[in-house]
Amino acid sequence: MQTAVEAIVSVLLLVGSLFTLIGAIGLFRLPDFFMRLHGPTKSTTLGVGGIVLASVIYFSTHNNYASLHELLIPAFLFLTAPISAHMLAKAGIQQRVPLSGATRSRPPTTGACAEQGDTREREEHEEHEEHAGRDAADKLTANPAQSARPASKRDTDA
């Protein structure tokens, strides 16, 4: 019986330590704030949960009573880690923390992130749309001299 409990405790300690190590490596290796925020939050919570569960099992079998107060630690982490990660992510968006190329994608079009997110790509998209609108307006006018804007180099090349 004692050997089986020690084997279970050993496996839980190894799994918890492995998750914690993966979280630490993710914090070190990932390129920007948002990726660094995601990796350690998930894996460290699971790592601490596994280590504390191993501690509960070990000391419950050796002391002949359950030490359930230890379970408050992972419960607190499971409740607070997602909330704190969400708040940090919102603060990063509001402060316009620079993103790596791997994180960038199309800019959001709705919601709070659309108002506060990475504006460089949005500005490029709006500039492209503006040029497309100007080109369509130029095609509709019969006489380029009546156009409201001066001819650009791009217009003269065509």
N, C-alpha and C. Protein backbone atom coordinates (compact mmCIF):
# COMPACT_ATOMS: atom_id res chain seq x y z
N MET A 1 0.83 -1.20 0.00
CA MET A 1 0.00 0.00 0.00
C MET A 1 0.87 1.25 0.00
N GLN A 2 1.88 1.26 0.84
CA GLN A 2 2.75 2.43 0.96
C GLN A 2 3.51 2.67 -0.34
N THR A 3 3.92 1.62 -1.02
CA THR A 3 4.65 1.77 -2.27
C THR A 3 3.75 2.34 -3.36
N ALA A 4 2.50 1.92 -3.40
CA ALA A 4 1.56 2.44 -4.40
C ALA A 4 1.31 3.93 -4.18
N VAL A 5 1.16 4.34 -2.93
CA VAL A 5 0.93 5.75 -2.62
C VAL A 5 2.15 6.57 -3.00
N GLU A 6 3.33 6.05 -2.69
CA GLU A 6 4.55 6.77 -3.05
C GLU A 6 4.73 6.87 -4.56
N ALA A 7 4.29 5.84 -5.29
CA ALA A 7 4.37 5.89 -6.75
C ALA A 7 3.41 6.95 -7.30
N ILE A 8 2.20 7.01 -6.75
CA ILE A 8 1.24 8.03 -7.19
C ILE A 8 1.76 9.42 -6.88
N VAL A 9 2.30 9.59 -5.68
CA VAL A 9 2.86 10.89 -5.28
C VAL A 9 4.02 11.26 -6.19
N SER A 10 4.86 10.30 -6.52
CA SER A 10 6.00 10.57 -7.40
C SER A 10 5.54 11.00 -8.79
N VAL A 11 4.53 10.32 -9.32
CA VAL A 11 4.02 10.68 -10.64
C VAL A 11 3.42 12.08 -10.62
N LEU A 12 2.64 12.39 -9.58
CA LEU A 12 2.05 13.73 -9.47
C LEU A 12 3.12 14.80 -9.33
N LEU A 13 4.17 14.52 -8.57
CA LEU A 13 5.27 15.48 -8.44
C LEU A 13 5.98 15.69 -9.76
N LEU A 14 6.22 14.61 -10.49
CA LEU A 14 6.88 14.74 -11.79
C LEU A 14 6.02 15.50 -12.79
N VAL A 15 4.74 15.19 -12.83
CA VAL A 15 3.84 15.88 -13.76
C VAL A 15 3.73 17.36 -13.39
N GLY A 16 3.57 17.65 -12.10
CA GLY A 16 3.49 19.04 -11.66
C GLY A 16 4.77 19.80 -11.94
N SER A 17 5.90 19.16 -11.70
CA SER A 17 7.19 19.80 -11.98
C SER A 17 7.39 20.01 -13.47
N LEU A 18 6.95 19.06 -14.28
CA LEU A 18 7.07 19.19 -15.73
C LEU A 18 6.23 20.37 -16.24
N PHE A 19 5.00 20.49 -15.76
CA PHE A 19 4.16 21.63 -16.16
C PHE A 19 4.79 22.95 -15.74
N THR A 20 5.33 23.00 -14.53
CA THR A 20 5.96 24.23 -14.06
C THR A 20 7.20 24.55 -14.89
N LEU A 21 7.98 23.54 -15.24
CA LEU A 21 9.15 23.76 -16.08
C LEU A 21 8.75 24.26 -17.47
N ILE A 22 7.71 23.70 -18.04
CA ILE A 22 7.23 24.15 -19.35
C ILE A 22 6.78 25.61 -19.27
N GLY A 23 6.12 25.98 -18.19
CA GLY A 23 5.71 27.37 -18.01
C GLY A 23 6.90 28.30 -17.91
N ALA A 24 7.95 27.88 -17.20
CA ALA A 24 9.15 28.71 -17.08
C ALA A 24 9.86 28.84 -18.42
N ILE A 25 9.94 27.76 -19.17
CA ILE A 25 10.56 27.81 -20.49
C ILE A 25 9.74 28.72 -21.41
N GLY A 26 8.42 28.62 -21.33
CA GLY A 26 7.57 29.49 -22.14
C GLY A 26 7.76 30.95 -21.80
N LEU A 27 7.91 31.26 -20.53
CA LEU A 27 8.14 32.64 -20.12
C LEU A 27 9.46 33.15 -20.67
N PHE A 28 10.44 32.29 -20.75
CA PHE A 28 11.76 32.69 -21.23
C PHE A 28 11.82 32.76 -22.75
N ARG A 29 11.19 31.82 -23.44
CA ARG A 29 11.38 31.68 -24.89
C ARG A 29 10.37 32.41 -25.76
N LEU A 30 9.17 32.65 -25.27
CA LEU A 30 8.14 33.25 -26.12
C LEU A 30 8.46 34.71 -26.42
N PRO A 31 8.10 35.20 -27.62
CA PRO A 31 8.64 36.47 -28.11
C PRO A 31 8.01 37.75 -27.57
N ASP A 32 6.75 37.73 -27.16
CA ASP A 32 6.17 39.00 -26.73
C ASP A 32 5.28 38.82 -25.50
N PHE A 33 4.77 39.93 -25.03
CA PHE A 33 4.03 39.99 -23.77
C PHE A 33 2.84 39.04 -23.75
N PHE A 34 2.04 39.03 -24.79
CA PHE A 34 0.81 38.25 -24.79
C PHE A 34 1.10 36.75 -24.84
N MET A 35 2.09 36.35 -25.58
CA MET A 35 2.47 34.93 -25.60
C MET A 35 3.08 34.53 -24.26
N ARG A 36 3.90 35.39 -23.69
CA ARG A 36 4.49 35.10 -22.38
C ARG A 36 3.43 35.03 -21.30
N LEU A 37 2.38 35.76 -21.47
CA LEU A 37 1.30 35.75 -20.49
C LEU A 37 0.52 34.44 -20.54
N HIS A 38 0.32 33.91 -21.72
CA HIS A 38 -0.51 32.71 -21.88
C HIS A 38 0.18 31.44 -21.36
N GLY A 39 1.43 31.23 -21.74
CA GLY A 39 2.12 29.99 -21.40
C GLY A 39 2.23 29.71 -19.91
N PRO A 40 2.83 30.59 -19.15
CA PRO A 40 2.99 30.32 -17.72
C PRO A 40 1.68 30.30 -16.95
N THR A 41 0.69 31.05 -17.37
CA THR A 41 -0.57 31.08 -16.62
C THR A 41 -1.21 29.70 -16.60
N LYS A 42 -1.29 29.07 -17.74
CA LYS A 42 -1.94 27.76 -17.81
C LYS A 42 -1.08 26.66 -17.17
N SER A 43 0.16 26.59 -17.56
CA SER A 43 0.98 25.47 -17.12
C SER A 43 1.37 25.56 -15.66
N THR A 44 1.62 26.75 -15.16
CA THR A 44 2.02 26.87 -13.76
C THR A 44 0.86 26.54 -12.84
N THR A 45 -0.34 26.90 -13.24
CA THR A 45 -1.51 26.56 -12.43
C THR A 45 -1.66 25.05 -12.33
N LEU A 46 -1.52 24.35 -13.45
CA LEU A 46 -1.60 22.89 -13.42
C LEU A 46 -0.42 22.29 -12.65
N GLY A 47 0.76 22.89 -12.79
CA GLY A 47 1.93 22.39 -12.08
C GLY A 47 1.77 22.49 -10.58
N VAL A 48 1.33 23.63 -10.10
CA VAL A 48 1.12 23.80 -8.66
C VAL A 48 0.01 22.88 -8.18
N GLY A 49 -1.04 22.72 -8.99
CA GLY A 49 -2.11 21.81 -8.62
C GLY A 49 -1.62 20.38 -8.44
N GLY A 50 -0.78 19.91 -9.35
CA GLY A 50 -0.23 18.55 -9.23
C GLY A 50 0.67 18.39 -8.03
N ILE A 51 1.50 19.38 -7.76
CA ILE A 51 2.42 19.30 -6.62
C ILE A 51 1.65 19.33 -5.30
N VAL A 52 0.66 20.20 -5.20
CA VAL A 52 -0.13 20.27 -3.96
C VAL A 52 -0.96 19.01 -3.78
N LEU A 53 -1.50 18.46 -4.85
CA LEU A 53 -2.25 17.21 -4.74
C LEU A 53 -1.35 16.08 -4.27
N ALA A 54 -0.12 16.04 -4.76
CA ALA A 54 0.84 15.04 -4.28
C ALA A 54 1.11 15.23 -2.79
N SER A 55 1.23 16.47 -2.36
CA SER A 55 1.47 16.76 -0.94
C SER A 55 0.28 16.32 -0.08
N VAL A 56 -0.93 16.58 -0.56
CA VAL A 56 -2.12 16.18 0.19
C VAL A 56 -2.17 14.66 0.33
N ILE A 57 -1.93 13.95 -0.74
CA ILE A 57 -1.97 12.48 -0.70
C ILE A 57 -0.88 11.94 0.22
N TYR A 58 0.32 12.46 0.10
CA TYR A 58 1.44 11.95 0.90
C TYR A 58 1.20 12.16 2.39
N PHE A 59 0.88 13.39 2.78
CA PHE A 59 0.74 13.67 4.20
C PHE A 59 -0.56 13.10 4.77
N SER A 60 -1.58 12.89 3.94
CA SER A 60 -2.80 12.25 4.42
C SER A 60 -2.56 10.79 4.76
N THR A 61 -1.74 10.11 3.98
CA THR A 61 -1.49 8.69 4.27
C THR A 61 -0.47 8.51 5.39
N HIS A 62 0.47 9.42 5.54
CA HIS A 62 1.49 9.27 6.58
C HIS A 62 1.03 9.77 7.94
N ASN A 63 0.12 10.72 7.98
CA ASN A 63 -0.34 11.27 9.25
C ASN A 63 -1.71 10.72 9.66
N ASN A 64 -2.30 9.88 8.83
CA ASN A 64 -3.59 9.24 9.08
C ASN A 64 -4.75 10.24 9.22
N TYR A 65 -4.61 11.42 8.69
CA TYR A 65 -5.72 12.37 8.60
C TYR A 65 -5.51 13.22 7.35
N ALA A 66 -6.61 13.67 6.80
CA ALA A 66 -6.54 14.44 5.56
C ALA A 66 -6.21 15.90 5.86
N SER A 67 -5.24 16.42 5.15
CA SER A 67 -4.89 17.84 5.29
C SER A 67 -5.52 18.60 4.12
N LEU A 68 -6.81 18.80 4.23
CA LEU A 68 -7.56 19.40 3.13
C LEU A 68 -7.33 20.90 3.02
N HIS A 69 -6.78 21.52 4.04
CA HIS A 69 -6.53 22.96 3.95
C HIS A 69 -5.49 23.28 2.87
N GLU A 70 -4.69 22.28 2.51
CA GLU A 70 -3.73 22.48 1.42
C GLU A 70 -4.42 22.66 0.07
N LEU A 71 -5.62 22.14 -0.05
CA LEU A 71 -6.36 22.27 -1.31
C LEU A 71 -6.83 23.70 -1.56
N LEU A 72 -6.76 24.55 -0.55
CA LEU A 72 -7.12 25.95 -0.75
C LEU A 72 -6.12 26.66 -1.66
N ILE A 73 -4.88 26.21 -1.66
CA ILE A 73 -3.84 26.85 -2.49
C ILE A 73 -4.17 26.70 -3.98
N PRO A 74 -4.37 25.48 -4.50
CA PRO A 74 -4.71 25.40 -5.93
C PRO A 74 -6.08 25.98 -6.24
N ALA A 75 -7.03 25.91 -5.29
CA ALA A 75 -8.33 26.52 -5.54
C ALA A 75 -8.18 28.02 -5.73
N PHE A 76 -7.37 28.64 -4.89
CA PHE A 76 -7.11 30.07 -5.02
C PHE A 76 -6.43 30.38 -6.35
N LEU A 77 -5.46 29.55 -6.74
CA LEU A 77 -4.78 29.76 -8.02
C LEU A 77 -5.72 29.55 -9.20
N PHE A 78 -6.55 28.52 -9.14
CA PHE A 78 -7.49 28.27 -10.25
C PHE A 78 -8.48 29.42 -10.41
N LEU A 79 -8.79 30.11 -9.31
CA LEU A 79 -9.71 31.24 -9.40
C LEU A 79 -9.02 32.53 -9.82
N THR A 80 -7.82 32.76 -9.32
CA THR A 80 -7.18 34.07 -9.55
C THR A 80 -6.30 34.13 -10.79
N ALA A 81 -5.71 33.04 -11.22
CA ALA A 81 -4.80 33.08 -12.37
C ALA A 81 -5.51 33.53 -13.66
N PRO A 82 -6.67 33.00 -14.01
CA PRO A 82 -7.33 33.48 -15.23
C PRO A 82 -7.75 34.95 -15.13
N ILE A 83 -8.20 35.36 -13.96
CA ILE A 83 -8.63 36.75 -13.79
C ILE A 83 -7.44 37.69 -13.91
N SER A 84 -6.34 37.35 -13.26
CA SER A 84 -5.16 38.22 -13.35
C SER A 84 -4.59 38.23 -14.76
N ALA A 85 -4.60 37.09 -15.45
CA ALA A 85 -4.12 37.06 -16.83
C ALA A 85 -5.00 37.92 -17.73
N HIS A 86 -6.29 37.87 -17.52
CA HIS A 86 -7.21 38.69 -18.31
C HIS A 86 -6.96 40.17 -18.06
N MET A 87 -6.78 40.54 -16.81
CA MET A 87 -6.53 41.95 -16.49
C MET A 87 -5.19 42.41 -17.07
N LEU A 88 -4.17 41.58 -17.00
CA LEU A 88 -2.88 41.93 -17.59
C LEU A 88 -2.99 42.08 -19.11
N ALA A 89 -3.75 41.20 -19.75
CA ALA A 89 -3.92 41.30 -21.20
C ALA A 89 -4.65 42.59 -21.58
N LYS A 90 -5.68 42.94 -20.83
CA LYS A 90 -6.39 44.19 -21.11
C LYS A 90 -5.49 45.40 -20.90
N ALA A 91 -4.64 45.35 -19.86
CA ALA A 91 -3.70 46.45 -19.63
C ALA A 91 -2.69 46.53 -20.76
N GLY A 92 -2.24 45.37 -21.26
CA GLY A 92 -1.31 45.36 -22.38
C GLY A 92 -1.92 45.94 -23.64
N ILE A 93 -3.19 45.64 -23.87
CA ILE A 93 -3.88 46.20 -25.04
C ILE A 93 -4.02 47.70 -24.89
N GLN A 94 -4.41 48.14 -23.69
CA GLN A 94 -4.60 49.57 -23.47
C GLN A 94 -3.29 50.34 -23.58
N GLN A 95 -2.19 49.75 -23.11
CA GLN A 95 -0.89 50.41 -23.19
C GLN A 95 -0.22 50.22 -24.54
N ARG A 96 -0.88 49.46 -25.43
CA ARG A 96 -0.37 49.20 -26.78
C ARG A 96 1.02 48.59 -26.75
N VAL A 97 1.13 47.52 -25.98
CA VAL A 97 2.38 46.78 -25.89
C VAL A 97 2.72 46.25 -27.27
N PRO A 98 3.97 46.40 -27.72
CA PRO A 98 4.32 45.94 -29.07
C PRO A 98 4.17 44.42 -29.21
N LEU A 99 3.74 44.01 -30.38
CA LEU A 99 3.52 42.59 -30.67
C LEU A 99 4.61 42.08 -31.59
N SER A 100 4.88 40.80 -31.49
CA SER A 100 5.81 40.20 -32.44
C SER A 100 5.05 39.88 -33.72
N GLY A 101 5.78 39.55 -34.76
CA GLY A 101 5.15 39.21 -36.03
C GLY A 101 4.29 37.97 -35.94
N ALA A 102 4.64 37.05 -35.04
CA ALA A 102 3.87 35.82 -34.89
C ALA A 102 2.52 36.06 -34.22
N THR A 103 2.42 37.12 -33.45
CA THR A 103 1.18 37.41 -32.74
C THR A 103 0.22 38.21 -33.59
N ARG A 104 0.73 39.03 -34.48
CA ARG A 104 -0.13 39.91 -35.27
C ARG A 104 -1.03 39.12 -36.20
N SER A 105 -2.24 39.61 -36.32
CA SER A 105 -3.19 39.06 -37.28
C SER A 105 -4.04 40.22 -37.76
N ARG A 106 -5.16 39.92 -38.35
CA ARG A 106 -6.04 41.00 -38.78
C ARG A 106 -6.51 41.77 -37.55
N PRO A 107 -6.63 43.08 -37.68
CA PRO A 107 -7.08 43.86 -36.53
C PRO A 107 -8.53 43.58 -36.20
N PRO A 108 -8.90 43.67 -34.92
CA PRO A 108 -10.29 43.44 -34.56
C PRO A 108 -11.18 44.54 -35.13
N THR A 109 -12.40 44.18 -35.48
CA THR A 109 -13.30 45.16 -36.08
C THR A 109 -14.41 45.59 -35.13
N THR A 110 -14.64 44.84 -34.06
CA THR A 110 -15.69 45.20 -33.12
C THR A 110 -15.17 45.08 -31.70
N GLY A 111 -15.86 45.69 -30.76
CA GLY A 111 -15.55 45.56 -29.36
C GLY A 111 -14.49 46.53 -28.90
N ALA A 112 -14.12 46.38 -27.63
CA ALA A 112 -13.15 47.29 -27.02
C ALA A 112 -11.78 47.15 -27.65
N CYS A 113 -11.43 45.95 -28.08
CA CYS A 113 -10.12 45.74 -28.70
C CYS A 113 -10.00 46.48 -30.02
N ALA A 114 -11.11 46.67 -30.71
CA ALA A 114 -11.07 47.41 -31.97
C ALA A 114 -10.72 48.86 -31.74
N GLU A 115 -11.10 49.38 -30.58
CA GLU A 115 -10.82 50.78 -30.27
C GLU A 115 -9.42 50.97 -29.70
N GLN A 116 -8.88 49.94 -29.03
CA GLN A 116 -7.64 50.13 -28.32
C GLN A 116 -6.51 49.24 -28.81
N GLY A 117 -6.74 48.38 -29.76
CA GLY A 117 -5.74 47.40 -30.18
C GLY A 117 -4.60 47.99 -30.98
N ASP A 118 -3.86 47.12 -31.64
CA ASP A 118 -2.72 47.51 -32.45
C ASP A 118 -3.22 48.33 -33.64
N THR A 119 -2.87 49.59 -33.70
CA THR A 119 -3.44 50.49 -34.70
C THR A 119 -2.67 50.50 -36.00
N ARG A 120 -1.45 50.01 -36.02
CA ARG A 120 -0.66 50.09 -37.25
C ARG A 120 -1.32 49.33 -38.39
N GLU A 121 -1.72 48.10 -38.12
CA GLU A 121 -2.36 47.32 -39.17
C GLU A 121 -3.71 47.92 -39.55
N ARG A 122 -4.45 48.45 -38.57
CA ARG A 122 -5.73 49.07 -38.88
C ARG A 122 -5.53 50.28 -39.77
N GLU A 123 -4.50 51.09 -39.47
CA GLU A 123 -4.23 52.27 -40.29
C GLU A 123 -3.84 51.87 -41.71
N GLU A 124 -3.04 50.80 -41.85
CA GLU A 124 -2.69 50.32 -43.18
C GLU A 124 -3.93 49.86 -43.93
N HIS A 125 -4.82 49.17 -43.23
CA HIS A 125 -6.06 48.69 -43.86
C HIS A 125 -6.93 49.87 -44.29
N GLU A 126 -7.07 50.87 -43.41
CA GLU A 126 -7.87 52.05 -43.75
C GLU A 126 -7.25 52.83 -44.90
N GLU A 127 -5.92 52.92 -44.92
CA GLU A 127 -5.25 53.62 -46.02
C GLU A 127 -5.50 52.90 -47.34
N HIS A 128 -5.44 51.57 -47.30
CA HIS A 128 -5.72 50.78 -48.50
C HIS A 128 -7.16 51.01 -48.97
N GLU A 129 -8.10 51.00 -48.03
CA GLU A 129 -9.50 51.23 -48.39
C GLU A 129 -9.69 52.64 -48.95
N GLU A 130 -8.99 53.62 -48.38
CA GLU A 130 -9.10 55.00 -48.87
C GLU A 130 -8.59 55.11 -50.30
N HIS A 131 -7.45 54.45 -50.57
CA HIS A 131 -6.92 54.48 -51.93
C HIS A 131 -7.86 53.78 -52.91
N ALA A 132 -8.47 52.69 -52.47
CA ALA A 132 -9.41 51.99 -53.34
C ALA A 132 -10.62 52.87 -53.64
N GLY A 133 -11.08 53.62 -52.63
CA GLY A 133 -12.20 54.54 -52.84
C GLY A 133 -11.84 55.66 -53.79
N ARG A 134 -10.63 56.19 -53.67
CA ARG A 134 -10.18 57.25 -54.58
C ARG A 134 -10.09 56.73 -56.01
N ASP A 135 -9.56 55.53 -56.17
CA ASP A 135 -9.44 54.96 -57.51
C ASP A 135 -10.81 54.77 -58.15
N ALA A 136 -11.79 54.32 -57.36
CA ALA A 136 -13.14 54.14 -57.89
C ALA A 136 -13.76 55.49 -58.26
N ALA A 137 -13.52 56.51 -57.44
CA ALA A 137 -14.05 57.84 -57.74
C ALA A 137 -13.41 58.41 -59.00
N ASP A 138 -12.11 58.17 -59.18
CA ASP A 138 -11.42 58.65 -60.38
C ASP A 138 -11.97 58.00 -61.64
N LYS A 139 -12.33 56.75 -61.55
CA LYS A 139 -12.87 56.07 -62.72
C LYS A 139 -14.24 56.61 -63.09
N LEU A 140 -14.99 57.11 -62.09
CA LEU A 140 -16.32 57.63 -62.37
C LEU A 140 -16.28 59.01 -63.02
N THR A 141 -15.26 59.79 -62.72
CA THR A 141 -15.17 61.13 -63.31
C THR A 141 -14.64 61.02 -64.72
N ALA A 142 -15.28 61.72 -65.62
CA ALA A 142 -14.87 61.66 -67.02
C ALA A 142 -13.62 62.48 -67.28
N ASN A 143 -13.45 63.59 -66.58
CA ASN A 143 -12.33 64.48 -66.82
C ASN A 143 -11.44 64.51 -65.58
N PRO A 144 -10.20 64.01 -65.63
CA PRO A 144 -9.34 64.02 -64.46
C PRO A 144 -9.03 65.42 -63.96
N ALA A 145 -9.15 66.42 -64.79
CA ALA A 145 -8.88 67.79 -64.35
C ALA A 145 -9.93 68.27 -63.36
N GLN A 146 -11.13 67.69 -63.38
CA GLN A 146 -12.19 68.09 -62.46
C GLN A 146 -12.10 67.36 -61.12
N SER A 147 -11.17 66.48 -61.00
CA SER A 147 -11.01 65.73 -59.76
C SER A 147 -10.66 66.66 -58.61
N ALA A 148 -11.14 66.37 -57.44
CA ALA A 148 -10.93 67.24 -56.28
C ALA A 148 -9.50 67.17 -55.77
N ARG A 149 -8.78 66.13 -56.09
CA ARG A 149 -7.40 66.00 -55.60
C ARG A 149 -6.44 66.07 -56.77
N PRO A 150 -5.22 66.51 -56.52
CA PRO A 150 -4.24 66.56 -57.61
C PRO A 150 -3.84 65.16 -58.04
N ALA A 151 -3.41 65.05 -59.26
CA ALA A 151 -2.98 63.76 -59.80
C ALA A 151 -1.71 63.32 -59.11
N SER A 152 -1.66 62.07 -58.72
CA SER A 152 -0.46 61.54 -58.07
C SER A 152 0.39 60.82 -59.11
N LYS A 153 1.57 60.42 -58.68
CA LYS A 153 2.47 59.70 -59.58
C LYS A 153 1.83 58.41 -60.06
N ARG A 154 1.06 57.79 -59.18
CA ARG A 154 0.40 56.55 -59.53
C ARG A 154 -0.62 56.78 -60.64
N ASP A 155 -1.34 57.91 -60.60
CA ASP A 155 -2.33 58.21 -61.63
C ASP A 155 -1.68 58.47 -62.98
N THR A 156 -0.50 59.11 -62.99
CA THR A 156 0.15 59.44 -64.25
C THR A 156 0.81 58.23 -64.88
N ASP A 157 1.15 57.22 -64.08
CA ASP A 157 1.79 56.02 -64.61
C ASP A 157 0.80 55.14 -65.36
N ALA A 158 -0.46 55.22 -65.04
CA ALA A 158 -1.46 54.33 -65.61
C ALA A 158 -1.81 54.64 -67.03
